[in-house]
Amino acid sequence: MSLATMLSLFVALVILAAIPGPGVFTVVARSIASGFAHGLITVFGIVFGDYVFILLSLYGLSALATTMGGLFTFIKYAGAAYLIWLGLKLLLAKPDTMEVKPVHELSFFANFTAGLVTTLSNPKAILFYASFFPAFVNVQQVTPVEIGKLLLLATLAVGSVMAAYAYTASKASTIFKNAKTNTTLNITAGSVILGSGVLIATKT
């Protein structure tokens, strides 16, 4: 895998990550609701989902998707349902009376899982890794070292873009310090996450 190929793939991954979609919406919503740390954990979940797709692509994602189409459909709707559930929890959360605080019901594990299922159930990610990704990589001749490079490339490209979204969103949320704005944040974040779930469920 040449340097030019790696650079081209890096740019493609950055563009794919930067385009607003379920992944961006989920990271922003979690960062606004509970701060940068929770948003960053969500980013880790998203990147880990990319790892799964990279490995599946290298070992026959297209064939697997064709053979187990029903499973991929189930993953899509299960992921959508999970995001909708998280969104509803935020919408129904009771705000503190003095200041915005993290939503403790959504743990680091819950945020990681939210990021993971967002990627695994995102048709855009499935399409990219099943069809577009093999154009950059000869899946029949890839070596373990090159697999490591691909995972690192995905971490830098997707992780940096999503982390930037998380940081920006978390900084924006620090200006809100009362119960009224806390309620607004919960409604906004919950609506975005719920909307992401609906978007995944309805997108073909």
Protein backbone atom coordinates (compact mmCIF):
# COMPACT_ATOMS: atom_id res chain seq x y z
CA MET A 1 0.00 0.00 0.00
CA SER A 2 1.69 3.17 -1.22
CA LEU A 3 1.91 6.50 0.58
CA ALA A 4 -0.34 8.07 -2.06
CA THR A 5 -2.98 5.39 -1.47
CA MET A 6 -2.84 5.92 2.29
CA LEU A 7 -3.14 9.68 1.86
CA SER A 8 -6.11 9.29 -0.48
CA LEU A 9 -7.82 6.93 1.97
CA PHE A 10 -7.10 9.31 4.84
CA VAL A 11 -8.71 12.22 2.99
CA ALA A 12 -11.72 10.06 2.09
CA LEU A 13 -12.19 9.02 5.72
CA VAL A 14 -11.87 12.61 6.97
CA ILE A 15 -14.50 13.80 4.50
CA LEU A 16 -16.79 10.91 5.37
CA ALA A 17 -16.43 11.64 9.09
CA ALA A 18 -16.89 15.41 8.71
CA ILE A 19 -20.16 15.18 6.78
CA PRO A 20 -22.96 15.69 9.34
CA GLY A 21 -24.75 12.42 9.96
CA PRO A 22 -25.76 10.05 12.77
CA GLY A 23 -22.19 9.77 14.08
CA VAL A 24 -21.64 13.53 14.29
CA PHE A 25 -25.09 14.09 15.78
CA THR A 26 -24.53 11.45 18.47
CA VAL A 27 -21.10 12.81 19.47
CA VAL A 28 -22.35 16.40 19.62
CA ALA A 29 -25.44 15.45 21.62
CA ARG A 30 -23.48 13.43 24.19
CA SER A 31 -20.83 16.18 24.52
CA ILE A 32 -23.47 18.85 25.10
CA ALA A 33 -25.37 16.71 27.60
CA SER A 34 -22.48 15.33 29.68
CA GLY A 35 -19.24 17.00 28.62
CA PHE A 36 -16.15 16.29 26.57
CA ALA A 37 -15.15 13.08 28.37
CA HIS A 38 -18.46 11.41 27.56
CA GLY A 39 -18.33 12.73 24.02
CA LEU A 40 -14.80 11.34 23.61
CA ILE A 41 -15.92 7.91 24.83
CA THR A 42 -18.64 8.05 22.18
CA VAL A 43 -15.92 8.81 19.62
CA PHE A 44 -14.03 5.70 20.77
CA GLY A 45 -17.17 3.66 20.12
CA ILE A 46 -17.51 5.12 16.63
CA VAL A 47 -13.86 4.41 15.80
CA PHE A 48 -14.18 0.87 17.14
CA GLY A 49 -17.13 0.39 14.79
CA ASP A 50 -14.84 1.45 11.94
CA TYR A 51 -12.33 -1.17 13.09
CA VAL A 52 -15.04 -3.81 12.82
CA PHE A 53 -15.93 -2.74 9.28
CA ILE A 54 -12.29 -2.57 8.17
CA LEU A 55 -11.66 -6.12 9.36
CA LEU A 56 -14.91 -7.36 7.86
CA SER A 57 -14.09 -5.63 4.58
CA LEU A 58 -10.69 -7.29 4.46
CA TYR A 59 -12.24 -10.67 5.15
CA GLY A 60 -15.29 -10.50 2.93
CA LEU A 61 -17.84 -7.94 4.13
CA SER A 62 -19.60 -7.89 0.77
CA ALA A 63 -20.05 -11.66 0.76
CA LEU A 64 -21.15 -11.60 4.39
CA ALA A 65 -23.68 -8.86 3.77
CA THR A 66 -25.13 -10.81 0.85
CA THR A 67 -25.24 -14.09 2.74
CA MET A 68 -26.53 -12.63 6.01
CA GLY A 69 -28.61 -9.73 4.73
CA GLY A 70 -31.19 -10.28 7.44
CA LEU A 71 -28.56 -9.93 10.17
CA PHE A 72 -27.35 -6.60 8.78
CA THR A 73 -30.94 -5.39 8.63
CA PHE A 74 -31.42 -6.44 12.27
CA ILE A 75 -28.24 -4.59 13.31
CA LYS A 76 -29.47 -1.47 11.56
CA TYR A 77 -32.84 -1.41 13.32
CA ALA A 78 -31.44 -2.54 16.68
CA GLY A 79 -28.94 0.32 16.55
CA ALA A 80 -31.68 2.78 15.60
CA ALA A 81 -33.84 1.57 18.49
CA TYR A 82 -30.96 1.97 20.94
CA LEU A 83 -30.32 5.57 19.87
CA ILE A 84 -34.03 6.38 20.08
CA TRP A 85 -34.06 4.96 23.61
CA LEU A 86 -31.08 7.11 24.62
CA GLY A 87 -32.77 10.16 23.12
CA LEU A 88 -35.96 9.52 25.06
CA LYS A 89 -33.98 9.15 28.31
CA LEU A 90 -32.51 12.61 27.79
CA LEU A 91 -35.87 14.12 26.85
CA LEU A 92 -37.42 12.73 30.03
CA ALA A 93 -34.46 13.57 32.32
CA LYS A 94 -35.17 16.00 35.15
CA PRO A 95 -32.76 18.95 35.19
CA ASP A 96 -30.81 20.07 38.27
CA THR A 97 -31.99 23.31 39.83
CA MET A 98 -28.63 25.11 39.90
CA GLU A 99 -26.37 24.09 37.06
CA VAL A 100 -25.88 21.80 34.11
CA LYS A 101 -24.42 18.47 35.21
CA PRO A 102 -23.65 15.21 33.45
CA VAL A 103 -26.50 12.84 32.83
CA HIS A 104 -25.33 10.10 35.18
CA GLU A 105 -27.80 7.52 33.86
CA LEU A 106 -25.74 7.39 30.65
CA SER A 107 -22.44 5.82 31.72
CA PHE A 108 -19.18 5.75 29.80
CA PHE A 109 -20.12 2.25 28.67
CA ALA A 110 -23.50 3.50 27.43
CA ASN A 111 -21.80 6.30 25.48
CA PHE A 112 -19.25 3.88 23.99
CA THR A 113 -22.09 1.57 22.97
CA ALA A 114 -24.00 4.49 21.45
CA GLY A 115 -21.00 5.34 19.28
CA LEU A 116 -20.46 1.72 18.32
CA VAL A 117 -24.04 1.00 17.27
CA THR A 118 -24.19 4.33 15.42
CA THR A 119 -21.37 3.18 13.15
CA LEU A 120 -22.49 -0.45 12.85
CA SER A 121 -26.03 0.58 11.89
CA ASN A 122 -25.06 3.46 9.59
CA PRO A 123 -25.80 2.57 5.93
CA LYS A 124 -23.21 5.15 4.81
CA ALA A 125 -20.45 3.34 6.70
CA ILE A 126 -21.61 -0.05 5.46
CA LEU A 127 -21.65 1.19 1.86
CA PHE A 128 -18.19 2.79 2.16
CA TYR A 129 -16.45 -0.23 3.63
CA ALA A 130 -18.29 -2.78 1.49
CA SER A 131 -17.77 -1.10 -1.89
CA PHE A 132 -15.61 2.03 -1.81
CA PHE A 133 -12.95 0.90 0.69
CA PRO A 134 -11.71 -2.07 -1.42
CA ALA A 135 -10.86 0.40 -4.19
CA PHE A 136 -8.01 1.66 -1.99
CA VAL A 137 -6.82 -1.68 -0.65
CA ASN A 138 -6.05 -4.98 -2.33
CA VAL A 139 -7.88 -7.14 0.21
CA GLN A 140 -6.32 -10.32 -1.18
CA GLN A 141 -2.74 -9.19 -0.58
CA VAL A 142 -2.97 -7.07 2.56
CA THR A 143 -0.41 -7.93 5.27
CA PRO A 144 -0.79 -7.76 9.07
CA VAL A 145 1.41 -4.66 9.10
CA GLU A 146 -0.83 -2.97 6.53
CA ILE A 147 -3.90 -3.90 8.58
CA GLY A 148 -2.28 -2.12 11.52
CA LYS A 149 -1.66 0.92 9.33
CA LEU A 150 -5.28 0.92 8.18
CA LEU A 151 -6.56 0.82 11.76
CA LEU A 152 -4.20 3.65 12.73
CA LEU A 153 -5.32 5.63 9.68
CA ALA A 154 -8.97 5.24 10.67
CA THR A 155 -8.16 6.27 14.24
CA LEU A 156 -6.41 9.46 13.12
CA ALA A 157 -8.91 10.39 10.41
CA VAL A 158 -12.25 9.54 12.02
CA GLY A 159 -11.13 9.99 15.62
CA SER A 160 -9.65 13.46 15.14
CA VAL A 161 -12.69 14.80 13.28
CA MET A 162 -15.15 13.39 15.80
CA ALA A 163 -13.03 14.54 18.75
CA ALA A 164 -13.05 18.06 17.32
CA TYR A 165 -16.85 17.95 17.17
CA ALA A 166 -16.95 16.68 20.77
CA TYR A 167 -14.62 19.39 22.05
CA THR A 168 -16.46 22.20 20.29
CA ALA A 169 -19.84 20.99 21.52
CA SER A 170 -18.62 20.55 25.11
CA LYS A 171 -17.16 24.06 25.19
CA ALA A 172 -20.37 25.53 23.88
CA SER A 173 -22.31 23.84 26.67
CA THR A 174 -20.28 25.42 29.51
CA ILE A 175 -22.04 28.78 29.11
CA PHE A 176 -25.30 27.28 30.33
CA LYS A 177 -25.56 27.32 34.12
CA ASN A 178 -29.22 27.24 35.15
CA ALA A 179 -32.09 24.77 35.26
CA LYS A 180 -33.93 26.35 32.33
CA THR A 181 -30.98 26.07 29.97
CA ASN A 182 -30.21 22.61 31.36
CA THR A 183 -33.68 21.55 30.26
CA THR A 184 -33.03 23.09 26.86
CA LEU A 185 -29.76 21.17 26.54
CA ASN A 186 -31.42 17.88 27.46
CA ILE A 187 -34.23 18.47 24.99
CA THR A 188 -31.79 19.47 22.25
CA ALA A 189 -29.40 16.57 22.85
CA GLY A 190 -32.23 14.08 23.27
CA SER A 191 -33.95 15.26 20.10
CA VAL A 192 -30.72 15.01 18.10
CA ILE A 193 -29.99 11.47 19.31
CA LEU A 194 -33.59 10.41 18.79
CA GLY A 195 -33.51 11.99 15.32
CA SER A 196 -30.30 10.09 14.53
CA GLY A 197 -32.05 6.85 15.42
CA VAL A 198 -35.01 7.70 13.22
CA LEU A 199 -32.65 8.69 10.39
CA ILE A 200 -30.88 5.33 10.57
CA ALA A 201 -34.16 3.42 10.72
CA THR A 202 -35.61 5.16 7.66
CA LYS A 203 -32.46 5.39 5.51
CA THR A 204 -31.95 2.69 2.90
